[in-house]
């Protein structure tokens, strides 16, 4: 089996699901929770983080979008340096 190249990974990522990554979106909240070392808590803010009403009653597709952001940041290992 041939080795997977960086180009292959980029093409795979671009063909995969595309998510809204705006501030406060499901994907953004998932990646932020991971970054700050919080446990997963699927939610989003329709008007941007901390604005309006926090939405946490989500359907399976919305939970998957949140978890995609959380898991992507976990894979990257980007974490807040608290020191």
C-alpha atoms as a PDB file:
ATOM      1  CA  UNK A   1       0.000   0.000   0.000  1.00  0.00           C
ATOM      2  CA  UNK A   2       1.499   3.397  -0.956  1.00  0.00           C
ATOM      3  CA  UNK A   3       2.328   5.946   1.742  1.00  0.00           C
ATOM      4  CA  UNK A   4      -0.184   8.709   2.358  1.00  0.00           C
ATOM      5  CA  UNK A   5       1.267  12.049   1.360  1.00  0.00           C
ATOM      6  CA  UNK A   6       0.517  15.490   2.747  1.00  0.00           C
ATOM      7  CA  UNK A   7      -1.319  16.251  -0.505  1.00  0.00           C
ATOM      8  CA  UNK A   8      -3.497  13.158   0.017  1.00  0.00           C
ATOM      9  CA  UNK A   9      -4.380  14.385   3.509  1.00  0.00           C
ATOM     10  CA  UNK A  10      -5.300  17.857   2.238  1.00  0.00           C
ATOM     11  CA  UNK A  11      -7.491  16.433  -0.530  1.00  0.00           C
ATOM     12  CA  UNK A  12      -9.195  14.101   1.954  1.00  0.00           C
ATOM     13  CA  UNK A  13      -9.851  16.995   4.342  1.00  0.00           C
ATOM     14  CA  UNK A  14     -11.275  19.181   1.583  1.00  0.00           C
ATOM     15  CA  UNK A  15     -13.593  16.420   0.400  1.00  0.00           C
ATOM     16  CA  UNK A  16     -14.782  15.737   3.932  1.00  0.00           C
ATOM     17  CA  UNK A  17     -17.515  17.575   5.807  1.00  0.00           C
ATOM     18  CA  UNK A  18     -17.219  21.351   5.815  1.00  0.00           C
ATOM     19  CA  UNK A  19     -18.312  23.144   8.963  1.00  0.00           C
ATOM     20  CA  UNK A  20     -19.184  26.693   9.872  1.00  0.00           C
ATOM     21  CA  UNK A  21     -16.195  27.854  11.909  1.00  0.00           C
ATOM     22  CA  UNK A  22     -17.521  31.290  12.860  1.00  0.00           C
ATOM     23  CA  UNK A  23     -17.002  32.470  16.426  1.00  0.00           C
ATOM     24  CA  UNK A  24     -19.624  30.796  18.603  1.00  0.00           C
ATOM     25  CA  UNK A  25     -20.478  28.064  16.071  1.00  0.00           C
ATOM     26  CA  UNK A  26     -20.707  24.396  16.988  1.00  0.00           C
ATOM     27  CA  UNK A  27     -17.281  23.601  15.538  1.00  0.00           C
ATOM     28  CA  UNK A  28     -15.734  26.667  17.191  1.00  0.00           C
ATOM     29  CA  UNK A  29     -17.191  25.814  20.615  1.00  0.00           C
ATOM     30  CA  UNK A  30     -15.917  22.238  20.347  1.00  0.00           C
ATOM     31  CA  UNK A  31     -12.404  23.354  19.490  1.00  0.00           C
ATOM     32  CA  UNK A  32     -12.469  26.016  22.224  1.00  0.00           C
ATOM     33  CA  UNK A  33     -13.610  23.539  24.874  1.00  0.00           C
ATOM     34  CA  UNK A  34     -10.742  21.248  23.894  1.00  0.00           C
ATOM     35  CA  UNK A  35      -8.248  24.139  23.834  1.00  0.00           C
ATOM     36  CA  UNK A  36      -9.180  25.219  27.363  1.00  0.00           C
ATOM     37  CA  UNK A  37      -9.074  21.642  28.673  1.00  0.00           C
ATOM     38  CA  UNK A  38     -12.796  21.379  29.279  1.00  0.00           C
ATOM     39  CA  UNK A  39     -14.798  18.183  28.913  1.00  0.00           C
ATOM     40  CA  UNK A  40     -17.017  17.982  25.819  1.00  0.00           C
ATOM     41  CA  UNK A  41     -20.304  19.869  26.308  1.00  0.00           C
ATOM     42  CA  UNK A  42     -22.019  20.173  22.901  1.00  0.00           C
ATOM     43  CA  UNK A  43     -23.489  23.681  22.566  1.00  0.00           C
ATOM     44  CA  UNK A  44     -23.251  26.874  20.555  1.00  0.00           C
ATOM     45  CA  UNK A  45     -24.105  30.560  20.699  1.00  0.00           C
ATOM     46  CA  UNK A  46     -26.177  31.721  17.674  1.00  0.00           C
ATOM     47  CA  UNK A  47     -25.115  35.354  18.190  1.00  0.00           C
ATOM     48  CA  UNK A  48     -21.444  34.597  18.926  1.00  0.00           C
ATOM     49  CA  UNK A  49     -19.818  33.268  22.079  1.00  0.00           C
ATOM     50  CA  UNK A  50     -21.451  34.611  25.211  1.00  0.00           C
ATOM     51  CA  UNK A  51     -24.088  36.580  23.295  1.00  0.00           C
ATOM     52  CA  UNK A  52     -27.762  35.709  23.197  1.00  0.00           C
ATOM     53  CA  UNK A  53     -28.963  32.341  24.434  1.00  0.00           C
ATOM     54  CA  UNK A  54     -26.662  29.318  24.752  1.00  0.00           C
ATOM     55  CA  UNK A  55     -28.146  26.425  22.752  1.00  0.00           C
ATOM     56  CA  UNK A  56     -27.489  22.962  24.143  1.00  0.00           C
ATOM     57  CA  UNK A  57     -30.522  20.998  22.880  1.00  0.00           C
ATOM     58  CA  UNK A  58     -28.892  19.602  19.744  1.00  0.00           C
ATOM     59  CA  UNK A  59     -29.708  16.995  17.131  1.00  0.00           C
ATOM     60  CA  UNK A  60     -27.203  14.230  16.256  1.00  0.00           C
ATOM     61  CA  UNK A  61     -25.761  16.152  13.276  1.00  0.00           C
ATOM     62  CA  UNK A  62     -25.143  19.229  15.455  1.00  0.00           C
ATOM     63  CA  UNK A  63     -23.475  17.123  18.136  1.00  0.00           C
ATOM     64  CA  UNK A  64     -21.271  15.562  15.450  1.00  0.00           C
ATOM     65  CA  UNK A  65     -20.240  19.044  14.245  1.00  0.00           C
ATOM     66  CA  UNK A  66     -19.323  20.125  17.792  1.00  0.00           C
ATOM     67  CA  UNK A  67     -17.383  16.881  18.332  1.00  0.00           C
ATOM     68  CA  UNK A  68     -15.544  17.348  15.019  1.00  0.00           C
ATOM     69  CA  UNK A  69     -14.173  20.655  16.323  1.00  0.00           C
ATOM     70  CA  UNK A  70     -13.339  19.119  19.693  1.00  0.00           C
ATOM     71  CA  UNK A  71     -11.611  16.072  18.211  1.00  0.00           C
ATOM     72  CA  UNK A  72      -9.724  18.103  15.603  1.00  0.00           C
ATOM     73  CA  UNK A  73      -8.199  20.281  18.308  1.00  0.00           C
ATOM     74  CA  UNK A  74      -7.417  17.202  20.405  1.00  0.00           C
ATOM     75  CA  UNK A  75      -5.539  15.712  17.444  1.00  0.00           C
ATOM     76  CA  UNK A  76      -3.606  18.951  16.936  1.00  0.00           C
ATOM     77  CA  UNK A  77      -2.783  19.158  20.625  1.00  0.00           C
ATOM     78  CA  UNK A  78      -3.392  22.917  20.794  1.00  0.00           C
ATOM     79  CA  UNK A  79      -3.907  23.618  24.473  1.00  0.00           C
ATOM     80  CA  UNK A  80      -3.987  26.770  26.577  1.00  0.00           C
ATOM     81  CA  UNK A  81      -0.703  27.384  28.375  1.00  0.00           C
ATOM     82  CA  UNK A  82      -1.887  28.296  31.859  1.00  0.00           C
ATOM     83  CA  UNK A  83       1.595  29.294  33.030  1.00  0.00           C
END
